[in-house]
Protein backbone atom coordinates (compact mmCIF):
# COMPACT_ATOMS: atom_id res chain seq x y z
CA MET A 1 -13.62 -268.57 149.90
CA ALA A 2 -15.59 -268.97 153.10
CA LYS A 3 -17.36 -266.07 154.71
CA ILE A 4 -17.74 -265.81 158.46
CA ILE A 5 -20.62 -263.51 159.35
CA LEU A 6 -21.23 -262.37 162.91
CA THR A 7 -24.37 -260.62 164.11
CA TYR A 8 -24.86 -259.28 167.62
CA LYS A 9 -26.19 -256.58 169.92
CA LEU A 10 -24.15 -254.49 172.33
CA LYS A 11 -24.55 -255.28 176.01
CA PRO A 12 -26.43 -252.72 178.09
CA GLY A 13 -24.04 -249.99 179.16
CA VAL A 14 -21.68 -250.44 176.19
CA THR A 15 -21.94 -247.36 173.99
CA SER A 16 -21.56 -247.52 170.23
CA GLU A 17 -18.85 -244.85 170.47
CA ALA A 18 -16.73 -246.90 172.89
CA PHE A 19 -17.33 -250.12 170.97
CA GLU A 20 -16.44 -248.60 167.60
CA ALA A 21 -13.27 -247.07 169.07
CA TRP A 22 -12.30 -250.58 170.27
CA VAL A 23 -13.05 -251.98 166.80
CA ARG A 24 -10.80 -249.40 165.12
CA THR A 25 -7.90 -249.54 167.58
CA THR A 26 -7.89 -253.19 168.66
CA ASP A 27 -10.18 -255.51 166.69
CA TYR A 28 -9.31 -254.38 163.15
CA PRO A 29 -5.52 -254.41 163.60
CA ALA A 30 -5.51 -257.81 165.31
CA MET A 31 -7.91 -259.67 163.05
CA ARG A 32 -6.74 -258.03 159.82
CA GLY A 33 -3.20 -259.01 160.80
CA LEU A 34 -4.00 -262.73 160.56
CA SER A 35 -2.70 -264.23 157.33
CA ARG A 36 -5.83 -266.37 156.89
CA VAL A 37 -8.15 -263.35 156.98
CA ALA A 38 -8.31 -261.88 153.47
CA SER A 39 -10.69 -259.12 154.54
CA PHE A 40 -12.70 -258.10 157.58
CA ALA A 41 -15.18 -255.27 158.07
CA ASN A 42 -17.60 -254.37 160.82
CA HIS A 43 -20.92 -252.75 159.86
CA ARG A 44 -23.24 -250.72 162.11
CA VAL A 45 -26.86 -251.71 161.45
CA THR A 46 -28.97 -248.62 160.81
CA GLY A 47 -32.40 -250.09 160.15
CA LEU A 48 -34.54 -252.27 157.91
CA LEU A 49 -34.90 -251.59 154.20
CA LEU A 50 -38.32 -253.27 154.11
CA GLY A 51 -40.82 -253.94 156.85
CA ASP A 52 -41.46 -252.55 160.28
CA GLY A 53 -39.75 -253.11 163.59
CA GLU A 54 -36.18 -253.46 164.71
CA PRO A 55 -33.49 -255.41 162.86
CA GLY A 56 -32.64 -257.49 165.93
CA MET A 57 -28.92 -256.73 165.80
CA ASP A 58 -26.65 -253.73 166.24
CA TYR A 59 -23.64 -254.86 164.17
CA ILE A 60 -22.69 -257.28 161.42
CA GLU A 61 -19.11 -258.41 160.82
CA ILE A 62 -18.05 -260.04 157.57
CA PHE A 63 -14.80 -261.97 157.19
CA ASP A 64 -13.39 -263.45 153.97
CA VAL A 65 -11.36 -266.51 154.94
CA PRO A 66 -9.65 -268.46 152.14
CA ASP A 67 -8.37 -271.20 154.49
CA LEU A 68 -11.25 -271.91 156.87
CA ASN A 69 -9.72 -275.11 158.22
CA GLY A 70 -6.47 -273.33 159.08
CA PHE A 71 -8.36 -270.44 160.62
CA VAL A 72 -10.47 -272.77 162.80
CA THR A 73 -7.67 -275.16 163.81
CA GLN A 74 -4.77 -272.74 164.17
CA ASP A 75 -5.92 -269.11 164.42
CA MET A 76 -9.03 -269.53 166.57
CA PRO A 77 -7.26 -271.30 169.46
CA GLY A 78 -4.27 -268.92 169.20
CA GLY A 79 -3.49 -265.98 171.43
CA VAL A 80 -4.57 -263.24 169.02
CA VAL A 81 -8.09 -264.56 168.42
CA GLN A 82 -8.58 -265.70 172.01
CA GLY A 83 -7.55 -262.27 173.32
CA ILE A 84 -9.91 -260.49 170.93
CA MET A 85 -12.73 -262.94 171.72
CA GLY A 86 -12.41 -262.25 175.44
CA ASP A 87 -12.71 -258.50 174.85
CA PHE A 88 -15.48 -258.98 172.28
CA MET A 89 -17.63 -261.23 174.48
CA SER A 90 -17.43 -258.69 177.33
CA LYS A 91 -19.03 -256.07 175.04
CA VAL A 92 -21.72 -257.97 173.11
CA GLU A 93 -24.70 -260.23 173.68
CA ASP A 94 -26.42 -262.86 171.57
CA PRO A 95 -23.60 -263.27 169.03
CA LYS A 96 -24.26 -265.57 166.11
CA PHE A 97 -21.29 -266.95 164.18
CA ILE A 98 -22.47 -267.92 160.69
CA LEU A 99 -20.52 -269.74 157.96
CA ALA A 100 -21.48 -269.03 154.36
CA ASP A 101 -20.27 -269.70 150.83
CA GLU A 102 -21.09 -267.51 147.85
CA VAL A 103 -23.48 -268.98 145.32
CA VAL A 104 -21.76 -268.78 141.93
């Protein structure tokens, strides 16, 4: 199962409270409603476990996607994902969309 991992910072002026309310009321229901998304969770970054400095991101999202090809070719260009992406991109900066597979 593929993992899609997003990392990003909030844009200046976007509060964590407003962003997290949007995640709970809009992002979660829409993205979790897609049949090709087995699970999806957003995580607030709180700091580094080791080392000094800032983590370089405010949030990390992790998706489990069993049918990555279907997600990319059918869900991503569809109305649900495009609507969420428009909202999302208005709230965040420097997003990185990472694909990963578990090492077993």
